[in-house]
Protein backbone atom coordinates (compact mmCIF):
# COMPACT_ATOMS: atom_id res chain seq x y z
CA MET A 1 -15.62 11.21 -5.07
CA LEU A 2 -12.69 9.11 -3.85
CA GLY A 3 -13.49 6.29 -1.44
CA ILE A 4 -10.88 4.83 0.91
CA LEU A 5 -11.39 1.32 2.25
CA GLY A 6 -9.13 1.85 5.24
CA GLY A 7 -8.47 0.82 8.81
CA MET A 8 -5.82 -1.72 7.77
CA GLY A 9 -4.32 -0.16 9.81
CA PRO A 10 -5.46 3.27 11.01
CA LEU A 11 -1.99 4.90 10.95
CA ALA A 12 -1.47 3.68 7.39
CA THR A 13 -4.84 5.14 6.39
CA ILE A 14 -3.88 8.53 7.83
CA ASP A 15 -0.49 8.39 6.08
CA PHE A 16 -2.24 7.66 2.78
CA MET A 17 -4.73 10.52 3.23
CA GLN A 18 -1.92 12.93 4.07
CA LYS A 19 -0.08 11.93 0.90
CA VAL A 20 -3.21 12.49 -1.19
CA VAL A 21 -3.70 15.96 0.32
CA LEU A 22 -0.04 16.98 0.06
CA GLY A 23 0.17 15.62 -3.48
CA SER A 24 -2.73 17.76 -4.68
CA GLN A 25 -1.56 21.02 -6.28
CA VAL A 26 -4.35 23.34 -5.17
CA GLY A 27 -4.90 26.97 -4.32
CA CYS A 28 -7.72 26.66 -1.79
CA ASP A 29 -9.73 24.15 0.26
CA GLN A 30 -12.41 23.83 -2.39
CA GLU A 31 -9.95 22.49 -4.97
CA HIS A 32 -8.99 19.45 -2.86
CA ILE A 33 -10.24 15.95 -3.64
CA PRO A 34 -13.51 15.05 -1.87
CA ILE A 35 -12.87 11.85 0.08
CA LEU A 36 -15.05 9.29 1.84
CA VAL A 37 -13.20 7.13 4.37
CA HIS A 38 -14.27 3.76 5.77
CA ASN A 39 -11.77 3.48 8.61
CA VAL A 40 -12.80 0.33 10.49
CA PRO A 41 -9.83 -1.36 12.23
CA GLN A 42 -12.00 -4.32 13.28
CA ILE A 43 -11.55 -5.93 9.84
CA PRO A 44 -9.93 -9.32 10.67
CA ASP A 45 -6.16 -9.68 10.28
CA ARG A 46 -5.30 -10.30 6.63
CA THR A 47 -1.92 -11.94 7.19
CA ARG A 48 -3.21 -14.31 9.86
CA PHE A 49 -6.04 -15.51 7.60
CA ILE A 50 -3.82 -16.09 4.55
CA LEU A 51 -1.10 -17.93 6.48
CA SER A 52 -3.03 -19.89 9.09
CA GLY A 53 -6.76 -19.41 8.68
CA GLY A 54 -9.12 -17.81 11.14
CA GLU A 55 -11.80 -15.23 10.46
CA ASP A 56 -12.06 -14.28 6.79
CA PRO A 57 -11.63 -10.50 6.31
CA PHE A 58 -13.38 -10.51 2.91
CA PRO A 59 -16.97 -10.04 4.22
CA ALA A 60 -15.91 -7.03 6.30
CA MET A 61 -14.02 -5.52 3.37
CA LEU A 62 -17.00 -6.10 1.08
CA ASP A 63 -19.28 -4.40 3.61
CA GLY A 64 -16.96 -1.39 3.62
CA LEU A 65 -16.88 -1.32 -0.17
CA ARG A 66 -20.68 -1.33 -0.34
CA ARG A 67 -20.94 1.45 2.24
CA LEU A 68 -18.56 3.61 0.21
CA GLU A 69 -20.52 2.92 -2.97
CA ALA A 70 -23.83 3.75 -1.27
CA SER A 71 -22.33 7.00 0.04
CA GLY A 72 -21.40 8.20 -3.43
CA ALA A 73 -17.83 7.08 -4.09
CA SER A 74 -16.97 6.63 -7.77
CA CYS A 75 -13.43 5.32 -7.26
CA VAL A 76 -12.16 3.19 -4.37
CA VAL A 77 -8.66 2.41 -3.17
CA ILE A 78 -7.35 0.16 -0.42
CA PRO A 79 -4.23 1.46 1.37
CA CYS A 80 -3.22 -2.04 2.46
CA ASN A 81 -1.01 -4.20 0.26
CA THR A 82 -2.00 -7.54 1.79
CA ALA A 83 -5.70 -6.76 1.30
CA HIS A 84 -5.01 -6.80 -2.45
CA TYR A 85 -5.07 -10.58 -2.12
CA TRP A 86 -8.85 -10.04 -2.47
CA PHE A 87 -8.65 -7.18 -5.01
CA GLU A 88 -10.15 -9.05 -7.97
CA ARG A 89 -12.99 -10.45 -5.83
CA LEU A 90 -13.83 -7.00 -4.54
CA GLN A 91 -13.63 -5.46 -8.01
CA ALA A 92 -16.07 -8.11 -9.27
CA GLU A 93 -18.61 -6.91 -6.67
CA THR A 94 -18.75 -3.29 -7.82
CA SER A 95 -18.97 -1.11 -10.91
CA MET A 96 -16.81 1.54 -9.24
CA ILE A 97 -13.29 2.16 -10.50
CA MET A 98 -10.70 0.52 -8.25
CA ILE A 99 -7.02 1.45 -8.41
CA SER A 100 -4.58 -1.31 -7.44
CA ILE A 101 -1.60 -0.44 -5.26
CA LEU A 102 0.32 -3.27 -6.93
CA ASP A 103 -0.30 -1.79 -10.39
CA CYS A 104 1.04 1.55 -9.17
CA VAL A 105 4.28 -0.02 -7.93
CA LEU A 106 4.79 -2.14 -11.05
CA GLU A 107 4.30 0.91 -13.28
CA GLU A 108 6.93 2.82 -11.30
CA VAL A 109 9.39 -0.08 -11.55
CA ALA A 110 8.96 -0.07 -15.33
CA LEU A 111 9.23 3.72 -15.50
CA ARG A 112 12.53 3.67 -13.60
CA GLY A 113 13.86 0.77 -15.65
CA LEU A 114 14.77 -1.26 -12.57
CA HIS A 115 16.12 -4.79 -12.88
CA LYS A 116 16.58 -5.87 -9.26
CA VAL A 117 14.10 -4.85 -6.56
CA GLY A 118 13.85 -5.71 -2.87
CA ILE A 119 10.50 -6.51 -1.25
CA MET A 120 9.55 -5.40 2.25
CA ALA A 121 6.04 -6.64 2.99
CA THR A 122 3.99 -8.83 5.30
CA SER A 123 4.69 -12.56 5.36
CA ALA A 124 1.32 -13.10 3.66
CA THR A 125 2.16 -10.76 0.78
CA VAL A 126 5.56 -12.42 0.38
CA SER A 127 4.20 -15.97 0.76
CA ALA A 128 1.52 -15.33 -1.86
CA GLY A 129 4.16 -13.94 -4.23
CA MET A 130 2.00 -10.92 -4.88
CA TYR A 131 4.90 -8.71 -5.95
CA GLN A 132 7.45 -11.36 -6.96
CA LYS A 133 5.30 -12.95 -9.66
CA ARG A 134 4.43 -9.69 -11.35
CA LEU A 135 7.95 -8.30 -11.11
CA GLU A 136 9.33 -11.42 -12.75
CA GLN A 137 6.72 -11.15 -15.51
CA GLN A 138 8.19 -7.81 -16.49
CA GLY A 139 11.78 -9.04 -16.29
CA CYS A 140 12.70 -7.70 -12.86
CA GLU A 141 14.36 -9.86 -10.21
CA ALA A 142 12.68 -9.74 -6.80
CA ILE A 143 14.78 -10.04 -3.63
CA ILE A 144 12.95 -11.05 -0.46
CA PRO A 145 14.25 -11.15 3.14
CA ASP A 146 15.54 -14.43 4.54
CA GLU A 147 13.37 -16.27 7.07
CA LEU A 148 14.81 -14.51 10.12
CA ASN A 149 14.53 -11.05 8.60
CA GLN A 150 10.97 -11.78 7.46
CA GLU A 151 10.08 -12.64 11.06
CA ARG A 152 11.66 -9.35 12.10
CA MET A 153 9.71 -7.62 9.36
CA MET A 154 6.43 -8.79 10.87
CA ALA A 155 7.57 -7.75 14.35
CA ALA A 156 8.46 -4.32 12.96
CA ILE A 157 5.09 -3.93 11.22
CA TYR A 158 3.17 -4.84 14.37
CA ALA A 159 5.39 -2.49 16.40
CA VAL A 160 4.38 0.41 14.14
CA LYS A 161 0.73 -0.64 14.37
CA ALA A 162 1.05 -0.54 18.18
CA GLY A 163 2.69 2.91 18.13
CA ARG A 164 6.19 1.66 19.05
CA MET A 165 7.72 3.67 16.24
CA ALA A 166 11.39 3.69 17.26
CA GLU A 167 11.40 -0.10 17.67
CA GLY A 168 9.73 -0.65 14.30
CA THR A 169 11.94 1.84 12.48
CA GLU A 170 15.16 0.29 13.78
CA MET A 171 14.20 -3.17 12.52
CA MET A 172 12.93 -1.85 9.20
CA GLU A 173 16.12 0.11 8.54
CA ALA A 174 18.22 -3.00 9.16
CA ILE A 175 16.12 -5.09 6.75
CA PHE A 176 16.25 -2.33 4.15
CA ALA A 177 20.05 -2.26 4.39
CA SER A 178 20.20 -6.06 4.06
CA LEU A 179 18.23 -5.95 0.79
CA GLN A 180 20.53 -3.24 -0.53
CA GLU A 181 23.55 -5.39 0.31
CA GLN A 182 22.00 -8.15 -1.82
CA GLY A 183 21.95 -5.83 -4.82
CA ALA A 184 18.51 -4.22 -4.71
CA GLU A 185 18.47 -1.05 -6.81
CA ALA A 186 15.36 0.06 -4.93
CA VAL A 187 13.11 -1.48 -2.29
CA VAL A 188 9.33 -1.82 -2.43
CA LEU A 189 7.80 -0.53 0.80
CA GLY A 190 5.04 -3.05 0.27
CA CYS A 191 3.07 -2.81 3.49
CA THR A 192 1.46 0.51 4.31
CA GLU A 193 2.98 0.55 7.82
CA ILE A 194 6.48 0.47 6.31
CA PRO A 195 6.48 4.01 4.84
CA VAL A 196 5.30 5.18 8.28
CA GLY A 197 8.27 3.48 9.96
CA LEU A 198 10.72 4.51 7.24
CA ALA A 199 9.39 8.04 6.74
CA ARG A 200 12.77 9.71 7.25
CA LEU A 201 14.61 7.32 4.93
CA ALA A 202 11.94 7.66 2.22
CA LEU A 203 12.16 11.46 2.46
CA GLU A 204 15.96 11.59 2.37
CA GLN A 205 16.55 8.85 -0.24
CA PRO A 206 13.40 8.60 -2.40
CA GLU A 207 15.36 7.10 -5.28
CA LEU A 208 16.01 3.99 -3.16
CA CYS A 209 12.37 3.55 -2.16
CA LEU A 210 9.25 2.42 -3.97
CA ASP A 211 6.73 3.80 -1.50
CA ALA A 212 3.55 1.92 -2.41
CA THR A 213 1.41 4.30 -0.35
CA ALA A 214 2.77 7.40 -2.08
CA LEU A 215 2.45 5.82 -5.52
CA LEU A 216 -1.19 4.93 -4.85
CA ALA A 217 -1.83 8.46 -3.58
CA ASN A 218 -0.28 9.92 -6.74
CA ALA A 219 -2.51 7.71 -8.89
CA CYS A 220 -5.59 8.95 -7.01
CA VAL A 221 -4.58 12.58 -7.53
CA TYR A 222 -4.08 11.94 -11.24
CA TRP A 223 -7.41 10.08 -11.51
CA TYR A 224 -9.40 12.83 -9.83
CA TYR A 225 -7.96 15.87 -11.60
CA ASP A 226 -7.74 14.12 -14.96
CA SER A 227 -11.37 12.94 -14.80
CA HIS A 228 -12.55 16.40 -13.76
CA ALA A 229 -10.54 18.08 -16.51
CA LEU A 230 -12.25 15.82 -19.05
CA ALA A 231 -15.66 16.63 -17.57
CA ALA A 232 -15.03 20.38 -17.62
């Protein structure tokens, strides 16, 4: 059973679940992936903690992980890029399989043979170099927004979280275009609110987007049907 450590935020969790369901090639309800969801938005803000301190979200995430494990999940994913700051610590606390959203994106970059990739993500994800370091390790240049555009990026993310979709989308599209102008062959949508705000662009120009949410969903679909084929 697939476990989702969600709520970071709720819209992003729904977007991820929809992509898992739509990505499953099935003929009836019973063939879909069984999913357990821990959707608790009260987990403290990940970006705020990483950048300026405050309440540590790790205990709340660990509690969610343990609840999923106790409920029967055998694989857990976290549809929140910034929460992967704690991925190794969480993995060390469980014997369940955990699929990393970062791994999914890096594998897609390698598969496409990209050499120059833009990063749209929270200020915490960018500040921690979560994508930049790993991209550079595989010989890919990472392009990040300048300071002003990164501030706009955070405003756009929080606008989507608050349901102000048009406002968030407008800012995100401008930042996306800026990264393209700097030579990005594709752009990592590296915060799970970003594919929500850029849904139309990602649908119309998928070759320009590295939708972290969709890539994680695809990995979950592969994990479930591959593991069940082996067990059959």
